[in-house]
Structures are given as structure tokens and as C-alpha cells.
């Protein structure tokens, strides 16, 4: 699975990186996925980080 952050939608609040720092990080004023493939044991964290996004800028697929 992959996490993709839509940089056009991202407002840089940082909640995803706070909830799942192994998956997301802040670069300048936007969030990005740190890893290409989410490890099985991090999928739930990735989904929780995406769920925290107030503008729904993160998709997990």
C-alpha cells in the first residue's frame, strides 16, 4: 500500500506527521509520505494519519 498526499489540498497542519511519524513528515509547509510502500505493521498508522487530515488530502491505496 501507498500513502499519497495531494500537495494542492495540503494546508500543512502537520497532524498526519504527529500521528504517524514513521509514514509522514513535513517538508517546508507541506506533508509528504516518507516511504514508497507502507509496511504491513504501519498500515493502521498510515490510515490514522490520513483520517486526521482536516482537508482530506491523503489517500491510501
Protein backbone atom coordinates (compact mmCIF):
# COMPACT_ATOMS: atom_id res chain seq x y z
CA UNK A 1 0.00 0.00 0.00
CA UNK A 2 0.98 3.60 -0.59
CA UNK A 3 0.14 6.91 1.01
CA UNK A 4 -0.19 9.86 -1.35
CA UNK A 5 -0.51 13.46 -0.21
CA UNK A 6 -2.23 15.87 -2.59
CA UNK A 7 0.02 18.90 -2.23
CA UNK A 8 -2.62 21.17 -3.74
CA UNK A 9 -5.02 20.32 -0.91
CA UNK A 10 -2.49 20.04 1.94
CA UNK A 11 -2.63 23.00 4.31
CA UNK A 12 0.43 21.92 6.29
CA UNK A 13 -1.28 21.41 9.65
CA UNK A 14 1.09 18.53 10.48
CA UNK A 15 -1.44 16.23 12.18
CA UNK A 16 -0.57 13.29 9.94
CA UNK A 17 3.12 13.59 10.84
CA UNK A 18 2.26 13.80 14.54
CA UNK A 19 0.02 10.73 14.42
CA UNK A 20 2.24 8.63 12.13
CA UNK A 21 5.80 10.00 12.04
CA UNK A 22 7.09 6.73 10.54
CA UNK A 23 4.90 7.33 7.48
CA UNK A 24 4.58 11.13 7.07
CA UNK A 25 6.89 14.09 7.51
CA UNK A 26 6.68 17.82 6.96
CA UNK A 27 8.82 19.32 4.21
CA UNK A 28 8.70 23.08 4.34
CA UNK A 29 4.97 23.78 4.71
CA UNK A 30 3.53 20.55 3.27
CA UNK A 31 3.22 16.95 4.40
CA UNK A 32 4.76 14.14 2.35
CA UNK A 33 4.86 10.38 2.61
CA UNK A 34 8.29 9.29 3.82
CA UNK A 35 8.09 5.79 2.35
CA UNK A 36 7.04 4.35 -1.01
CA UNK A 37 5.49 1.15 0.31
CA UNK A 38 3.82 1.07 3.71
CA UNK A 39 4.93 -1.92 5.77
CA UNK A 40 2.13 -4.17 6.99
CA UNK A 41 2.68 -3.12 10.60
CA UNK A 42 2.40 0.60 9.68
CA UNK A 43 -0.79 0.49 7.59
CA UNK A 44 -3.05 1.27 10.54
CA UNK A 45 -0.81 4.22 11.50
CA UNK A 46 -0.88 5.50 7.91
CA UNK A 47 -4.69 5.29 7.84
CA UNK A 48 -4.95 7.06 11.20
CA UNK A 49 -2.71 9.85 9.93
CA UNK A 50 -4.83 10.19 6.80
CA UNK A 51 -8.00 10.27 8.90
CA UNK A 52 -6.63 13.23 10.89
CA UNK A 53 -6.22 15.37 7.76
CA UNK A 54 -8.80 18.18 8.02
CA UNK A 55 -8.85 18.73 4.23
CA UNK A 56 -8.77 15.04 3.20
CA UNK A 57 -5.52 15.47 1.26
CA UNK A 58 -4.20 11.94 1.89
CA UNK A 59 -5.20 8.77 0.10
CA UNK A 60 -4.11 5.26 1.00
CA UNK A 61 -4.16 2.69 -1.77
